[in-house]
Amino acid sequence: MAAVLIVDDEQVVRQVLLRWLKATGHEIYEAESADAALQFLERQPVSVVFSDIQMPGHDGIWLTTEIRKRYPATAVVLATAVSTIPPRFSMQAGVLAYIVKPFDHKAVLDALATALDWNSHAGKGPAQPIQIDTLQSWLESLL
């Protein structure tokens, strides 16, 4: 069972994702901002973070950058309200998938599966350093 953190400033969005992801049997946590998410991650490592891109204060791109620095094996899935992902977001290091609001249940579960697979190969669990050979092997397996 993996730990997953949902980060979104809108409670209704967090509740939808919480309900869908909890049904997968994983431990699901939530935070209402990027700052609250980092505070949570200091106490409880997670395998996957689902984060909104646009939030008051620090946004999801900033959060992704901080997660990459501090918890490099934690997979990130970003949520957006626009169906076309601008290159500055789509090329963001460490982002495994994007989900578009309003969410599609299957897309959310597919993103979770992709992120969990990446996490399991990237560092053998949450908050472990990524081994370059492990990451390279995982990338090669996708080709």
Protein backbone atom coordinates (compact mmCIF):
# COMPACT_ATOMS: atom_id res chain seq x y z
CA MET A 1 0.00 0.00 0.00
CA ALA A 2 1.41 3.38 -1.04
CA ALA A 3 0.93 6.83 0.43
CA VAL A 4 -0.50 9.53 -1.86
CA LEU A 5 -0.81 13.26 -1.18
CA ILE A 6 -3.45 15.39 -2.92
CA VAL A 7 -2.63 19.12 -3.09
CA ASP A 8 -5.33 21.53 -4.25
CA ASP A 9 -6.73 24.78 -2.88
CA GLU A 10 -10.29 23.68 -3.74
CA GLN A 11 -11.78 21.33 -1.17
CA VAL A 12 -14.30 19.86 -3.62
CA VAL A 13 -11.46 18.83 -5.95
CA ARG A 14 -9.54 17.25 -3.09
CA GLN A 15 -12.66 15.35 -2.02
CA VAL A 16 -13.28 13.89 -5.49
CA LEU A 17 -9.69 12.71 -5.81
CA LEU A 18 -9.70 11.48 -2.21
CA ARG A 19 -12.78 9.33 -2.81
CA TRP A 20 -11.47 7.87 -6.10
CA LEU A 21 -7.95 7.22 -4.85
CA LYS A 22 -9.03 5.84 -1.48
CA ALA A 23 -10.98 3.16 -3.33
CA THR A 24 -7.64 1.86 -4.66
CA GLY A 25 -6.66 0.84 -1.13
CA HIS A 26 -3.79 3.31 -0.73
CA GLU A 27 -3.28 5.75 2.13
CA ILE A 28 -4.52 9.13 0.89
CA TYR A 29 -3.67 12.48 2.47
CA GLU A 30 -4.55 16.02 1.49
CA ALA A 31 -3.12 19.53 1.70
CA GLU A 32 -4.67 22.84 0.67
CA SER A 33 -1.47 24.55 -0.54
CA ALA A 34 2.06 23.92 -1.73
CA ASP A 35 3.46 25.15 1.59
CA ALA A 36 1.15 22.84 3.57
CA ALA A 37 2.21 19.96 1.29
CA LEU A 38 5.91 20.51 2.03
CA GLN A 39 5.20 20.70 5.75
CA PHE A 40 3.32 17.41 5.48
CA LEU A 41 6.13 15.77 3.47
CA GLU A 42 8.63 16.68 6.20
CA ARG A 43 6.63 14.46 8.58
CA GLN A 44 5.30 11.79 6.23
CA PRO A 45 6.99 10.69 3.00
CA VAL A 46 4.69 9.68 0.16
CA SER A 47 5.11 7.79 -3.09
CA VAL A 48 2.95 10.10 -5.23
CA VAL A 49 1.80 13.72 -5.09
CA PHE A 50 -1.23 14.85 -7.10
CA SER A 51 -1.02 18.65 -7.30
CA ASP A 52 -3.02 21.39 -8.94
CA ILE A 53 -0.86 23.68 -11.08
CA GLN A 54 -2.63 26.93 -10.25
CA MET A 55 -2.97 27.67 -6.55
CA PRO A 56 -2.69 30.85 -4.49
CA GLY A 57 0.82 31.42 -3.17
CA HIS A 58 3.25 28.88 -4.54
CA ASP A 59 1.95 26.96 -7.54
CA GLY A 60 2.26 23.32 -8.53
CA ILE A 61 5.35 23.93 -10.66
CA TRP A 62 7.16 25.44 -7.66
CA LEU A 63 6.02 22.50 -5.54
CA THR A 64 7.28 20.02 -8.14
CA THR A 65 10.69 21.71 -8.13
CA GLU A 66 10.86 21.52 -4.33
CA ILE A 67 9.80 17.87 -4.33
CA ARG A 68 12.51 17.05 -6.90
CA LYS A 69 15.13 18.70 -4.66
CA ARG A 70 13.98 17.20 -1.37
CA TYR A 71 12.25 13.93 -2.26
CA PRO A 72 13.57 12.88 -5.69
CA ALA A 73 11.85 9.47 -5.76
CA THR A 74 8.40 10.95 -5.13
CA ALA A 75 6.34 10.90 -8.33
CA VAL A 76 4.30 13.98 -9.24
CA VAL A 77 1.03 14.16 -11.18
CA LEU A 78 -0.13 17.67 -12.07
CA ALA A 79 -3.75 18.73 -12.52
CA THR A 80 -4.79 21.54 -14.83
CA ALA A 81 -8.01 23.15 -16.00
CA VAL A 82 -6.76 23.54 -19.58
CA SER A 83 -6.65 20.66 -22.03
CA THR A 84 -3.51 21.91 -23.80
CA ILE A 85 -0.44 21.70 -21.57
CA PRO A 86 1.99 24.55 -22.26
CA PRO A 87 5.59 23.38 -22.88
CA ARG A 88 6.89 25.04 -19.70
CA PHE A 89 4.61 22.68 -17.77
CA SER A 90 4.83 19.59 -19.97
CA MET A 91 8.62 19.62 -19.89
CA GLN A 92 8.75 19.92 -16.09
CA ALA A 93 11.21 17.40 -14.67
CA GLY A 94 9.66 14.80 -12.43
CA VAL A 95 6.09 15.17 -13.67
CA LEU A 96 4.85 11.73 -14.62
CA ALA A 97 1.37 12.59 -15.83
CA TYR A 98 -1.17 15.37 -16.23
CA ILE A 99 -4.86 15.13 -15.48
CA VAL A 100 -7.35 17.65 -16.83
CA LYS A 101 -10.26 19.11 -14.88
CA PRO A 102 -13.02 18.06 -14.82
CA PHE A 103 -11.33 14.78 -14.02
CA ASP A 104 -11.96 11.54 -15.80
CA HIS A 105 -11.98 8.64 -13.33
CA LYS A 106 -9.98 6.34 -15.63
CA ALA A 107 -7.39 9.05 -16.38
CA VAL A 108 -6.85 9.60 -12.64
CA LEU A 109 -6.38 5.87 -11.99
CA ASP A 110 -4.07 5.55 -15.01
CA ALA A 111 -1.97 8.48 -13.75
CA LEU A 112 -1.76 6.85 -10.32
CA ALA A 113 -0.60 3.55 -11.83
CA THR A 114 2.06 5.31 -13.92
CA ALA A 115 3.29 7.31 -10.94
CA LEU A 116 3.41 4.29 -8.63
CA ASP A 117 5.32 2.29 -11.23
CA TRP A 118 7.84 5.10 -11.63
CA ASN A 119 8.19 5.49 -7.86
CA SER A 120 8.79 1.78 -7.35
CA HIS A 121 11.62 1.79 -9.89
CA ALA A 122 13.03 5.25 -9.15
CA GLY A 123 14.07 4.83 -5.58
CA LYS A 124 12.61 1.66 -4.18
CA GLY A 125 10.14 3.66 -2.07
CA PRO A 126 9.36 7.23 -1.07
CA ALA A 127 12.02 9.81 -0.32
CA GLN A 128 14.97 7.73 -1.51
CA PRO A 129 17.58 9.17 -3.89
CA ILE A 130 17.06 8.22 -7.51
CA GLN A 131 19.76 5.90 -8.81
CA ILE A 132 20.66 7.00 -12.34
CA ASP A 133 21.01 3.41 -13.61
CA THR A 134 17.58 2.55 -12.14
CA LEU A 135 15.99 5.59 -13.76
CA GLN A 136 17.68 4.82 -17.08
CA SER A 137 16.49 1.20 -16.95
CA TRP A 138 12.94 2.36 -16.25
CA LEU A 139 13.05 4.82 -19.16
CA GLU A 140 14.44 2.15 -21.48
CA SER A 141 11.65 -0.22 -20.49
CA LEU A 142 9.14 2.34 -21.76
CA LEU A 143 10.67 2.47 -25.23
